[in-house]
Amino acid sequence: MELSLIQKIAIYALPVLFAITVHEAAHGYAAKYFGDMTAYKAGRISLNPIRHIDLFGTIILPALTLALGGILFGWAKPVPVDFSRLRNPKKDMLWVAAAGPASNFVMAIIWVFVFKFSMSAPESIAYPLAMMAKAGISINIVLMVLNLLPLPPLDGGRIAVSLLPMQYAMKFAQLERYGFIILIALMFSGVLSQILNPLINVVYALIYNLFG
């Protein structure tokens, strides 16, 4: 059954909001745990999606990618983290950065169980719930894999900076000013899909084998 754009937006809206909200809040919680209170003081450690929504990145761009097909792409307002305030900045940066993708992995698993529940749900809600669960699995896997790419300012870039020796980490971190330009160029050139699709398939297979 081919869904209209309005139906797709209705099905994807809740999973997208959950995915970005929990992802950003996870960064904030991790930063607070490791000593940086910046996000906490800014009121960004919150599960209220309004605090994390970016008009273009969270609403307009995902709607466009849904309409045009391909990988659902977008972002939220990044949670402010002052890495210099962490107790061990270079080491703790890894855990703060990894918290977001880790939360998406957990949410993908939760949506797997929602999908299983939909199979025994009342007929009136079974199909839309199953479609929403599939969307939730897909969105969270894509968001996790995308953010783990080793490109600053993505989470994978921060993880790479944390792991590299200091002299290389400082040089690599300088890519951050060009990171989103590179990412957008990769997306529109089709290279991003070629990089992400095999990795996404691996994560799908892992989740299916563990929880399918």
N, C-alpha and C. Protein backbone atom coordinates (compact mmCIF):
# COMPACT_ATOMS: atom_id res chain seq x y z
N MET A 1 0.85 -1.20 0.00
CA MET A 1 0.00 0.00 0.00
C MET A 1 0.88 1.24 0.00
N GLU A 2 0.74 2.07 -1.03
CA GLU A 2 1.55 3.27 -1.16
C GLU A 2 0.94 4.39 -0.30
N LEU A 3 1.76 4.96 0.57
CA LEU A 3 1.28 6.02 1.45
C LEU A 3 1.42 7.38 0.79
N SER A 4 0.47 8.26 1.07
CA SER A 4 0.58 9.64 0.60
C SER A 4 1.58 10.38 1.49
N LEU A 5 2.01 11.56 1.05
CA LEU A 5 2.96 12.34 1.83
C LEU A 5 2.38 12.68 3.21
N ILE A 6 1.09 13.04 3.25
CA ILE A 6 0.46 13.38 4.53
C ILE A 6 0.46 12.18 5.47
N GLN A 7 0.16 11.00 4.93
CA GLN A 7 0.17 9.78 5.73
C GLN A 7 1.58 9.47 6.25
N LYS A 8 2.58 9.67 5.39
CA LYS A 8 3.97 9.44 5.80
C LYS A 8 4.36 10.38 6.94
N ILE A 9 3.98 11.66 6.81
CA ILE A 9 4.31 12.63 7.85
C ILE A 9 3.63 12.25 9.17
N ALA A 10 2.35 11.81 9.08
CA ALA A 10 1.61 11.42 10.28
C ALA A 10 2.28 10.23 10.97
N ILE A 11 2.77 9.27 10.18
CA ILE A 11 3.41 8.08 10.73
C ILE A 11 4.80 8.39 11.28
N TYR A 12 5.54 9.24 10.59
CA TYR A 12 6.93 9.50 10.96
C TYR A 12 7.09 10.58 12.02
N ALA A 13 6.09 11.44 12.20
CA ALA A 13 6.25 12.60 13.08
C ALA A 13 6.66 12.21 14.50
N LEU A 14 5.90 11.29 15.11
CA LEU A 14 6.19 10.90 16.49
C LEU A 14 7.54 10.20 16.63
N PRO A 15 7.87 9.22 15.79
CA PRO A 15 9.20 8.60 15.88
C PRO A 15 10.34 9.60 15.69
N VAL A 16 10.19 10.55 14.77
CA VAL A 16 11.24 11.56 14.56
C VAL A 16 11.43 12.40 15.80
N LEU A 17 10.31 12.87 16.38
CA LEU A 17 10.40 13.71 17.57
C LEU A 17 11.04 12.97 18.74
N PHE A 18 10.63 11.71 18.94
CA PHE A 18 11.24 10.90 20.00
C PHE A 18 12.72 10.70 19.74
N ALA A 19 13.08 10.39 18.49
CA ALA A 19 14.47 10.08 18.16
C ALA A 19 15.40 11.25 18.43
N ILE A 20 15.00 12.44 17.99
CA ILE A 20 15.89 13.60 18.17
C ILE A 20 15.89 14.10 19.61
N THR A 21 14.71 14.01 20.27
CA THR A 21 14.60 14.52 21.64
C THR A 21 15.45 13.68 22.60
N VAL A 22 15.28 12.37 22.52
CA VAL A 22 16.04 11.50 23.42
C VAL A 22 17.52 11.55 23.09
N HIS A 23 17.86 11.62 21.80
CA HIS A 23 19.26 11.72 21.37
C HIS A 23 19.94 12.94 22.01
N GLU A 24 19.31 14.10 21.87
CA GLU A 24 19.92 15.33 22.40
C GLU A 24 19.92 15.34 23.93
N ALA A 25 18.83 14.87 24.53
CA ALA A 25 18.77 14.82 25.99
C ALA A 25 19.85 13.90 26.54
N ALA A 26 20.13 12.79 25.82
CA ALA A 26 21.16 11.85 26.26
C ALA A 26 22.53 12.52 26.31
N HIS A 27 22.82 13.36 25.31
CA HIS A 27 24.08 14.11 25.35
C HIS A 27 24.13 14.99 26.60
N GLY A 28 23.02 15.65 26.88
CA GLY A 28 22.98 16.55 28.03
C GLY A 28 23.14 15.81 29.35
N TYR A 29 22.45 14.67 29.49
CA TYR A 29 22.58 13.87 30.71
C TYR A 29 24.01 13.38 30.89
N ALA A 30 24.63 12.92 29.80
CA ALA A 30 26.00 12.42 29.89
C ALA A 30 26.96 13.54 30.26
N ALA A 31 26.77 14.72 29.64
CA ALA A 31 27.64 15.86 29.96
C ALA A 31 27.51 16.23 31.43
N LYS A 32 26.28 16.25 31.93
CA LYS A 32 26.08 16.57 33.35
C LYS A 32 26.76 15.53 34.23
N TYR A 33 26.63 14.26 33.87
CA TYR A 33 27.22 13.19 34.66
C TYR A 33 28.74 13.34 34.75
N PHE A 34 29.35 13.79 33.64
CA PHE A 34 30.81 13.91 33.60
C PHE A 34 31.31 15.32 33.99
N GLY A 35 30.40 16.17 34.48
CA GLY A 35 30.84 17.41 35.10
C GLY A 35 30.49 18.71 34.41
N ASP A 36 29.91 18.66 33.20
CA ASP A 36 29.57 19.91 32.51
C ASP A 36 28.08 20.22 32.70
N MET A 37 27.78 21.34 33.32
CA MET A 37 26.39 21.71 33.63
C MET A 37 25.81 22.67 32.60
N THR A 38 26.50 22.91 31.48
CA THR A 38 26.05 23.90 30.49
C THR A 38 24.65 23.60 29.98
N ALA A 39 24.42 22.37 29.53
CA ALA A 39 23.10 22.00 29.00
C ALA A 39 22.03 22.07 30.08
N TYR A 40 22.39 21.66 31.29
CA TYR A 40 21.44 21.68 32.41
C TYR A 40 21.00 23.11 32.71
N LYS A 41 21.97 24.03 32.76
CA LYS A 41 21.65 25.43 33.06
C LYS A 41 20.86 26.09 31.93
N ALA A 42 21.04 25.59 30.71
CA ALA A 42 20.31 26.13 29.55
C ALA A 42 18.93 25.50 29.40
N GLY A 43 18.59 24.56 30.30
CA GLY A 43 17.29 23.90 30.22
C GLY A 43 17.15 22.94 29.07
N ARG A 44 18.29 22.42 28.58
CA ARG A 44 18.25 21.52 27.43
C ARG A 44 18.30 20.04 27.80
N ILE A 45 18.43 19.74 29.09
CA ILE A 45 18.30 18.33 29.49
C ILE A 45 16.81 18.09 29.72
N SER A 46 16.12 17.83 28.63
CA SER A 46 14.66 17.78 28.68
C SER A 46 14.14 16.82 27.63
N LEU A 47 13.04 16.15 27.93
CA LEU A 47 12.36 15.30 26.95
C LEU A 47 11.23 16.06 26.26
N ASN A 48 11.20 17.37 26.44
CA ASN A 48 10.25 18.22 25.73
C ASN A 48 10.81 18.50 24.34
N PRO A 49 10.20 17.96 23.28
CA PRO A 49 10.77 18.11 21.93
C PRO A 49 10.88 19.56 21.47
N ILE A 50 10.03 20.44 21.99
CA ILE A 50 10.06 21.85 21.57
C ILE A 50 11.42 22.47 21.86
N ARG A 51 12.07 22.02 22.92
CA ARG A 51 13.38 22.57 23.29
C ARG A 51 14.48 22.16 22.31
N HIS A 52 14.22 21.13 21.51
CA HIS A 52 15.27 20.59 20.64
C HIS A 52 14.99 20.79 19.15
N ILE A 53 13.78 21.25 18.81
CA ILE A 53 13.40 21.34 17.40
C ILE A 53 14.14 22.47 16.69
N ASP A 54 14.70 22.14 15.53
CA ASP A 54 15.26 23.13 14.61
C ASP A 54 14.31 23.18 13.41
N LEU A 55 13.79 24.36 13.09
CA LEU A 55 12.74 24.47 12.07
C LEU A 55 13.15 23.80 10.77
N PHE A 56 14.36 24.08 10.29
CA PHE A 56 14.79 23.51 9.01
C PHE A 56 15.20 22.05 9.18
N GLY A 57 16.08 21.78 10.16
CA GLY A 57 16.67 20.45 10.29
C GLY A 57 15.72 19.39 10.81
N THR A 58 14.73 19.79 11.63
CA THR A 58 13.83 18.82 12.25
C THR A 58 12.51 18.68 11.50
N ILE A 59 12.09 19.73 10.80
CA ILE A 59 10.77 19.71 10.17
C ILE A 59 10.85 19.76 8.65
N ILE A 60 11.46 20.82 8.12
CA ILE A 60 11.44 21.03 6.66
C ILE A 60 12.26 19.98 5.92
N LEU A 61 13.52 19.78 6.34
CA LEU A 61 14.39 18.85 5.62
C LEU A 61 13.90 17.40 5.69
N PRO A 62 13.50 16.89 6.88
CA PRO A 62 12.96 15.52 6.88
C PRO A 62 11.72 15.36 5.99
N ALA A 63 10.84 16.39 5.98
CA ALA A 63 9.65 16.32 5.12
C ALA A 63 10.05 16.27 3.65
N LEU A 64 11.07 17.05 3.28
CA LEU A 64 11.55 17.04 1.89
C LEU A 64 12.14 15.68 1.52
N THR A 65 12.94 15.11 2.43
CA THR A 65 13.55 13.81 2.11
C THR A 65 12.49 12.71 2.05
N LEU A 66 11.43 12.83 2.87
CA LEU A 66 10.34 11.87 2.78
C LEU A 66 9.64 11.98 1.43
N ALA A 67 9.43 13.23 0.98
CA ALA A 67 8.73 13.47 -0.28
C ALA A 67 9.56 12.99 -1.47
N LEU A 68 10.87 13.17 -1.39
CA LEU A 68 11.75 12.85 -2.52
C LEU A 68 12.24 11.41 -2.49
N GLY A 69 12.08 10.74 -1.35
CA GLY A 69 12.58 9.37 -1.21
C GLY A 69 14.03 9.38 -0.74
N GLY A 70 14.58 8.20 -0.53
CA GLY A 70 15.96 8.10 -0.05
C GLY A 70 16.02 8.09 1.46
N ILE A 71 17.22 8.29 2.00
CA ILE A 71 17.45 8.23 3.44
C ILE A 71 16.85 9.46 4.12
N LEU A 72 16.05 9.22 5.15
CA LEU A 72 15.49 10.31 5.94
C LEU A 72 16.64 11.06 6.61
N PHE A 73 16.69 12.37 6.41
CA PHE A 73 17.83 13.15 6.86
C PHE A 73 17.35 14.38 7.61
N GLY A 74 18.04 14.72 8.69
CA GLY A 74 17.69 15.92 9.44
C GLY A 74 18.50 16.01 10.71
N TRP A 75 18.22 17.05 11.51
CA TRP A 75 18.94 17.23 12.76
C TRP A 75 18.12 18.09 13.70
N ALA A 76 18.54 18.13 14.96
CA ALA A 76 17.91 18.98 15.96
C ALA A 76 18.92 20.04 16.38
N LYS A 77 18.47 20.97 17.24
CA LYS A 77 19.41 21.92 17.81
C LYS A 77 20.40 21.15 18.68
N PRO A 78 21.69 21.27 18.43
CA PRO A 78 22.64 20.53 19.27
C PRO A 78 22.61 21.02 20.71
N VAL A 79 22.65 20.07 21.63
CA VAL A 79 22.72 20.42 23.05
C VAL A 79 24.07 21.07 23.33
N PRO A 80 24.10 22.22 24.01
CA PRO A 80 25.39 22.88 24.28
C PRO A 80 26.22 22.09 25.28
N VAL A 81 27.43 21.75 24.90
CA VAL A 81 28.36 21.04 25.78
C VAL A 81 29.69 21.79 25.76
N ASP A 82 30.17 22.15 26.93
CA ASP A 82 31.49 22.77 27.06
C ASP A 82 32.45 21.67 27.50
N PHE A 83 33.15 21.09 26.51
CA PHE A 83 34.00 19.94 26.81
C PHE A 83 35.12 20.28 27.80
N SER A 84 35.50 21.56 27.86
CA SER A 84 36.56 21.95 28.80
C SER A 84 36.10 21.83 30.25
N ARG A 85 34.79 21.77 30.47
CA ARG A 85 34.26 21.66 31.83
C ARG A 85 34.13 20.21 32.30
N LEU A 86 34.31 19.25 31.40
CA LEU A 86 34.26 17.85 31.79
C LEU A 86 35.45 17.54 32.70
N ARG A 87 35.26 16.57 33.56
CA ARG A 87 36.32 16.27 34.52
C ARG A 87 37.60 15.80 33.81
N ASN A 88 37.44 15.04 32.77
CA ASN A 88 38.58 14.61 31.95
C ASN A 88 38.18 14.85 30.50
N PRO A 89 38.37 16.10 30.01
CA PRO A 89 37.76 16.52 28.74
C PRO A 89 37.97 15.56 27.56
N LYS A 90 39.19 15.17 27.30
CA LYS A 90 39.44 14.35 26.11
C LYS A 90 38.85 12.96 26.25
N LYS A 91 38.96 12.37 27.43
CA LYS A 91 38.43 11.03 27.66
C LYS A 91 36.91 11.04 27.75
N ASP A 92 36.36 11.98 28.50
CA ASP A 92 34.91 12.01 28.72
C ASP A 92 34.14 12.44 27.47
N MET A 93 34.81 13.15 26.55
CA MET A 93 34.17 13.55 25.30
C MET A 93 33.61 12.33 24.57
N LEU A 94 34.31 11.22 24.63
CA LEU A 94 33.87 10.00 23.95
C LEU A 94 32.50 9.57 24.47
N TRP A 95 32.33 9.55 25.79
CA TRP A 95 31.09 9.05 26.38
C TRP A 95 29.93 10.02 26.16
N VAL A 96 30.22 11.31 26.20
CA VAL A 96 29.18 12.32 25.93
C VAL A 96 28.71 12.20 24.48
N ALA A 97 29.66 12.04 23.55
CA ALA A 97 29.32 11.92 22.14
C ALA A 97 28.58 10.62 21.85
N ALA A 98 29.02 9.53 22.49
CA ALA A 98 28.43 8.22 22.22
C ALA A 98 27.03 8.07 22.81
N ALA A 99 26.68 8.91 23.79
CA ALA A 99 25.38 8.78 24.45
C ALA A 99 24.22 8.95 23.47
N GLY A 100 24.34 9.86 22.51
CA GLY A 100 23.27 10.09 21.55
C GLY A 100 23.00 8.88 20.67
N PRO A 101 24.02 8.39 19.92
CA PRO A 101 23.79 7.19 19.11
C PRO A 101 23.37 5.98 19.93
N ALA A 102 23.91 5.83 21.15
CA ALA A 102 23.50 4.71 22.01
C ALA A 102 22.01 4.78 22.32
N SER A 103 21.51 6.00 22.56
CA SER A 103 20.08 6.16 22.86
C SER A 103 19.23 5.77 21.66
N ASN A 104 19.72 6.05 20.45
CA ASN A 104 18.99 5.67 19.24
C ASN A 104 18.95 4.16 19.06
N PHE A 105 20.03 3.49 19.42
CA PHE A 105 20.04 2.02 19.35
C PHE A 105 19.00 1.44 20.30
N VAL A 106 18.94 1.98 21.51
CA VAL A 106 17.97 1.51 22.49
C VAL A 106 16.54 1.78 22.00
N MET A 107 16.32 2.97 21.42
CA MET A 107 14.98 3.29 20.92
C MET A 107 14.58 2.40 19.75
N ALA A 108 15.54 2.05 18.90
CA ALA A 108 15.23 1.14 17.79
C ALA A 108 14.74 -0.20 18.34
N ILE A 109 15.37 -0.67 19.40
CA ILE A 109 14.96 -1.93 20.03
C ILE A 109 13.56 -1.79 20.63
N ILE A 110 13.29 -0.66 21.27
CA ILE A 110 11.95 -0.42 21.84
C ILE A 110 10.89 -0.47 20.74
N TRP A 111 11.18 0.14 19.59
CA TRP A 111 10.23 0.13 18.48
C TRP A 111 10.04 -1.28 17.93
N VAL A 112 11.08 -2.13 18.03
CA VAL A 112 10.92 -3.54 17.63
C VAL A 112 9.83 -4.19 18.48
N PHE A 113 9.84 -3.92 19.77
CA PHE A 113 8.83 -4.51 20.66
C PHE A 113 7.45 -3.89 20.41
N VAL A 114 7.43 -2.61 20.03
CA VAL A 114 6.14 -2.00 19.65
C VAL A 114 5.59 -2.71 18.41
N PHE A 115 6.47 -3.01 17.46
CA PHE A 115 6.04 -3.73 16.24
C PHE A 115 5.48 -5.11 16.60
N LYS A 116 6.18 -5.80 17.50
CA LYS A 116 5.68 -7.13 17.93
C LYS A 116 4.30 -7.00 18.57
N PHE A 117 4.12 -5.94 19.39
CA PHE A 117 2.83 -5.71 20.04
C PHE A 117 1.74 -5.45 19.01
N SER A 118 2.09 -4.74 17.93
CA SER A 118 1.09 -4.38 16.92
C SER A 118 0.47 -5.61 16.27
N MET A 119 1.20 -6.73 16.28
CA MET A 119 0.69 -7.94 15.64
C MET A 119 -0.52 -8.52 16.38
N SER A 120 -0.60 -8.21 17.68
CA SER A 120 -1.73 -8.71 18.47
C SER A 120 -2.67 -7.59 18.91
N ALA A 121 -2.42 -6.38 18.38
CA ALA A 121 -3.24 -5.21 18.75
C ALA A 121 -4.59 -5.28 18.05
N PRO A 122 -5.58 -4.53 18.55
CA PRO A 122 -6.88 -4.46 17.86
C PRO A 122 -6.70 -4.04 16.41
N GLU A 123 -7.54 -4.57 15.55
CA GLU A 123 -7.40 -4.36 14.10
C GLU A 123 -7.39 -2.88 13.74
N SER A 124 -8.13 -2.07 14.48
CA SER A 124 -8.26 -0.65 14.14
C SER A 124 -6.94 0.12 14.27
N ILE A 125 -6.05 -0.37 15.13
CA ILE A 125 -4.78 0.35 15.33
C ILE A 125 -3.56 -0.47 14.90
N ALA A 126 -3.77 -1.74 14.55
CA ALA A 126 -2.65 -2.63 14.28
C ALA A 126 -1.79 -2.13 13.12
N TYR A 127 -2.43 -1.77 12.00
CA TYR A 127 -1.64 -1.38 10.82
C TYR A 127 -0.90 -0.06 11.03
N PRO A 128 -1.57 1.03 11.48
CA PRO A 128 -0.82 2.28 11.69
C PRO A 128 0.27 2.14 12.76
N LEU A 129 0.01 1.33 13.79
CA LEU A 129 1.01 1.12 14.83
C LEU A 129 2.22 0.37 14.27
N ALA A 130 1.97 -0.63 13.43
CA ALA A 130 3.07 -1.37 12.80
C ALA A 130 3.89 -0.47 11.90
N MET A 131 3.22 0.39 11.14
CA MET A 131 3.93 1.32 10.24
C MET A 131 4.75 2.32 11.05
N MET A 132 4.18 2.80 12.16
CA MET A 132 4.91 3.74 13.01
C MET A 132 6.13 3.07 13.64
N ALA A 133 5.96 1.81 14.06
CA ALA A 133 7.07 1.08 14.65
C ALA A 133 8.19 0.87 13.64
N LYS A 134 7.82 0.50 12.40
CA LYS A 134 8.82 0.34 11.35
C LYS A 134 9.56 1.65 11.10
N ALA A 135 8.80 2.76 11.11
CA ALA A 135 9.42 4.09 10.94
C ALA A 135 10.37 4.38 12.09
N GLY A 136 9.95 4.04 13.32
CA GLY A 136 10.80 4.28 14.48
C GLY A 136 12.09 3.50 14.43
N ILE A 137 12.01 2.24 14.00
CA ILE A 137 13.22 1.41 13.85
C ILE A 137 14.14 2.04 12.83
N SER A 138 13.58 2.38 11.67
CA SER A 138 14.37 2.94 10.57
C SER A 138 15.03 4.26 10.95
N ILE A 139 14.25 5.18 11.52
CA ILE A 139 14.76 6.50 11.87
C ILE A 139 15.90 6.40 12.86
N ASN A 140 15.73 5.58 13.88
CA ASN A 140 16.75 5.49 14.92
C ASN A 140 18.02 4.82 14.43
N ILE A 141 17.89 3.83 13.56
CA ILE A 141 19.07 3.19 13.00
C ILE A 141 19.82 4.17 12.11
N VAL A 142 19.08 4.88 11.25
CA VAL A 142 19.72 5.86 10.37
C VAL A 142 20.40 6.96 11.18
N LEU A 143 19.71 7.47 12.19
CA LEU A 143 20.28 8.54 13.01
C LEU A 143 21.53 8.06 13.75
N MET A 144 21.50 6.83 14.24
CA MET A 144 22.66 6.29 14.93
C MET A 144 23.85 6.15 13.99
N VAL A 145 23.63 5.52 12.84
CA VAL A 145 24.72 5.29 11.89
C VAL A 145 25.26 6.61 11.35
N LEU A 146 24.35 7.53 11.00
CA LEU A 146 24.78 8.83 10.49
C LEU A 146 25.65 9.56 11.49
N ASN A 147 25.22 9.57 12.74
CA ASN A 147 25.96 10.32 13.76
C ASN A 147 27.28 9.67 14.13
N LEU A 148 27.46 8.40 13.82
CA LEU A 148 28.71 7.73 14.12
C LEU A 148 29.76 7.89 13.02
N LEU A 149 29.39 8.56 11.93
CA LEU A 149 30.40 8.84 10.90
C LEU A 149 31.51 9.70 11.51
N PRO A 150 32.77 9.38 11.26
CA PRO A 150 33.88 10.12 11.87
C PRO A 150 34.13 11.47 11.20
N LEU A 151 33.15 12.34 11.33
CA LEU A 151 33.24 13.67 10.74
C LEU A 151 32.74 14.70 11.74
N PRO A 152 33.65 15.54 12.27
CA PRO A 152 33.17 16.62 13.16
C PRO A 152 32.23 17.52 12.39
N PRO A 153 31.13 18.03 12.98
CA PRO A 153 30.76 17.94 14.39
C PRO A 153 29.84 16.78 14.73
N LEU A 154 29.75 15.76 13.89
CA LEU A 154 28.93 14.59 14.22
C LEU A 154 29.54 13.87 15.42
N ASP A 155 28.73 13.05 16.07
CA ASP A 155 29.20 12.36 17.27
C ASP A 155 30.41 11.48 16.99
N GLY A 156 30.42 10.85 15.82
CA GLY A 156 31.56 10.02 15.45
C GLY A 156 32.84 10.83 15.32
N GLY A 157 32.71 12.07 14.88
CA GLY A 157 33.87 12.95 14.81
C GLY A 157 34.41 13.27 16.19
N ARG A 158 33.49 13.51 17.14
CA ARG A 158 33.92 13.78 18.52
C ARG A 158 34.58 12.54 19.14
N ILE A 159 34.02 11.37 18.83
CA ILE A 159 34.61 10.13 19.34
C ILE A 159 36.02 9.97 18.77
N ALA A 160 36.18 10.28 17.47
CA ALA A 160 37.51 10.18 16.85
C ALA A 160 38.49 11.14 17.51
N VAL A 161 38.05 12.36 17.78
CA VAL A 161 38.91 13.35 18.45
C VAL A 161 39.32 12.83 19.82
N SER A 162 38.40 12.19 20.52
CA SER A 162 38.70 11.65 21.85
C SER A 162 39.75 10.54 21.78
N LEU A 163 39.69 9.73 20.73
CA LEU A 163 40.55 8.56 20.63
C LEU A 163 41.92 8.86 20.02
N LEU A 164 41.99 9.89 19.17
CA LEU A 164 43.26 10.19 18.50
C LEU A 164 44.27 10.79 19.47
N PRO A 165 45.58 10.58 19.22
CA PRO A 165 46.60 11.29 20.00
C PRO A 165 46.40 12.80 19.87
N MET A 166 46.78 13.54 20.88
CA MET A 166 46.46 14.97 20.96
C MET A 166 46.86 15.74 19.70
N GLN A 167 48.05 15.51 19.17
CA GLN A 167 48.51 16.30 18.02
C GLN A 167 47.64 16.08 16.80
N TYR A 168 47.15 14.84 16.62
CA TYR A 168 46.26 14.55 15.49
C TYR A 168 44.83 14.97 15.80
N ALA A 169 44.43 14.83 17.06
CA ALA A 169 43.08 15.20 17.47
C ALA A 169 42.81 16.68 17.22
N MET A 170 43.79 17.54 17.54
CA MET A 170 43.62 18.98 17.36
C MET A 170 43.46 19.34 15.88
N LYS A 171 44.23 18.68 15.03
CA LYS A 171 44.13 18.94 13.59
C LYS A 171 42.80 18.43 13.03
N PHE A 172 42.42 17.24 13.48
CA PHE A 172 41.17 16.65 13.01
C PHE A 172 39.97 17.48 13.44
N ALA A 173 40.03 18.02 14.66
CA ALA A 173 38.92 18.83 15.18
C ALA A 173 38.69 20.08 14.35
N GLN A 174 39.72 20.55 13.64
CA GLN A 174 39.58 21.75 12.82
C GLN A 174 38.64 21.55 11.63
N LEU A 175 38.35 20.28 11.32
CA LEU A 175 37.39 20.00 10.24
C LEU A 175 35.97 20.43 10.59
N GLU A 176 35.73 20.68 11.88
CA GLU A 176 34.37 20.94 12.33
C GLU A 176 33.73 22.11 11.61
N ARG A 177 34.50 23.14 11.31
CA ARG A 177 33.92 24.31 10.64
C ARG A 177 33.39 23.98 9.25
N TYR A 178 33.89 22.90 8.66
CA TYR A 178 33.44 22.50 7.32
C TYR A 178 32.55 21.26 7.35
N GLY A 179 32.30 20.73 8.55
CA GLY A 179 31.62 19.44 8.66
C GLY A 179 30.27 19.37 7.98
N PHE A 180 29.40 20.32 8.25
CA PHE A 180 28.06 20.26 7.67
C PHE A 180 28.07 20.52 6.17
N ILE A 181 29.00 21.35 5.72
CA ILE A 181 29.14 21.58 4.27
C ILE A 181 29.53 20.27 3.59
N ILE A 182 30.50 19.56 4.18
CA ILE A 182 30.92 18.26 3.64
C ILE A 182 29.75 17.28 3.65
N LEU A 183 28.98 17.26 4.76
CA LEU A 183 27.87 16.34 4.90
C LEU A 183 26.78 16.59 3.86
N ILE A 184 26.43 17.86 3.67
CA ILE A 184 25.41 18.21 2.67
C ILE A 184 25.88 17.84 1.27
N ALA A 185 27.18 18.09 0.99
CA ALA A 185 27.74 17.73 -0.32
C ALA A 185 27.68 16.22 -0.54
N LEU A 186 28.01 15.46 0.50
CA LEU A 186 27.94 13.99 0.39
C LEU A 186 26.51 13.53 0.16
N MET A 187 25.55 14.20 0.81
CA MET A 187 24.15 13.81 0.67
C MET A 187 23.66 14.04 -0.75
N PHE A 188 23.89 15.24 -1.28
CA PHE A 188 23.36 15.57 -2.60
C PHE A 188 24.12 14.88 -3.73
N SER A 189 25.34 14.45 -3.46
CA SER A 189 26.10 13.73 -4.48
C SER A 189 25.75 12.24 -4.52
N GLY A 190 25.02 11.77 -3.49
CA GLY A 190 24.67 10.36 -3.42
C GLY A 190 25.71 9.52 -2.72
N VAL A 191 26.85 10.10 -2.39
CA VAL A 191 27.92 9.36 -1.73
C VAL A 191 27.50 8.95 -0.32
N LEU A 192 26.75 9.84 0.35
CA LEU A 192 26.33 9.55 1.72
C LEU A 192 25.51 8.27 1.78
N SER A 193 24.59 8.09 0.85
CA SER A 193 23.77 6.87 0.82
C SER A 193 24.64 5.64 0.59
N GLN A 194 25.64 5.76 -0.27
CA GLN A 194 26.53 4.63 -0.55
C GLN A 194 27.33 4.24 0.68
N ILE A 195 27.67 5.22 1.51
CA ILE A 195 28.41 4.95 2.74
C ILE A 195 27.48 4.36 3.80
N LEU A 196 26.29 4.96 3.95
CA LEU A 196 25.40 4.60 5.05
C LEU A 196 24.66 3.28 4.83
N ASN A 197 24.21 3.02 3.61
CA ASN A 197 23.33 1.87 3.38
C ASN A 197 23.93 0.53 3.84
N PRO A 198 25.19 0.22 3.52
CA PRO A 198 25.74 -1.05 4.02
C PRO A 198 25.80 -1.11 5.55
N LEU A 199 26.12 0.02 6.18
CA LEU A 199 26.20 0.07 7.65
C LEU A 199 24.82 -0.07 8.26
N ILE A 200 23.83 0.57 7.65
CA ILE A 200 22.45 0.46 8.13
C ILE A 200 21.97 -0.98 8.04
N ASN A 201 22.31 -1.65 6.95
CA ASN A 201 21.90 -3.05 6.77
C ASN A 201 22.53 -3.95 7.83
N VAL A 202 23.77 -3.65 8.21
CA VAL A 202 24.45 -4.43 9.26
C VAL A 202 23.71 -4.29 10.59
N VAL A 203 23.31 -3.04 10.92
CA VAL A 203 22.61 -2.81 12.19
C VAL A 203 21.23 -3.46 12.16
N TYR A 204 20.54 -3.36 11.02
CA TYR A 204 19.24 -4.04 10.88
C TYR A 204 19.40 -5.54 11.15
N ALA A 205 20.43 -6.13 10.54
CA ALA A 205 20.65 -7.58 10.70
C ALA A 205 20.96 -7.91 12.16
N LEU A 206 21.75 -7.06 12.81
CA LEU A 206 22.09 -7.29 14.22
C LEU A 206 20.83 -7.27 15.10
N ILE A 207 20.01 -6.24 14.91
CA ILE A 207 18.79 -6.12 15.72
C ILE A 207 17.82 -7.26 15.42
N TYR A 208 17.72 -7.62 14.15
CA TYR A 208 16.82 -8.72 13.78
C TYR A 208 17.27 -10.03 14.41
N ASN A 209 18.59 -10.29 14.37
CA ASN A 209 19.10 -11.55 14.93
C ASN A 209 18.95 -11.59 16.46
N LEU A 210 19.04 -10.42 17.10
CA LEU A 210 18.95 -10.37 18.55
C LEU A 210 17.50 -10.35 19.05
N PHE A 211 16.64 -9.62 18.31
CA PHE A 211 15.29 -9.36 18.85
C PHE A 211 14.17 -9.72 17.87
N GLY A 212 14.55 -10.11 16.65
CA GLY A 212 13.52 -10.39 15.65
C GLY A 212 12.71 -11.66 15.92
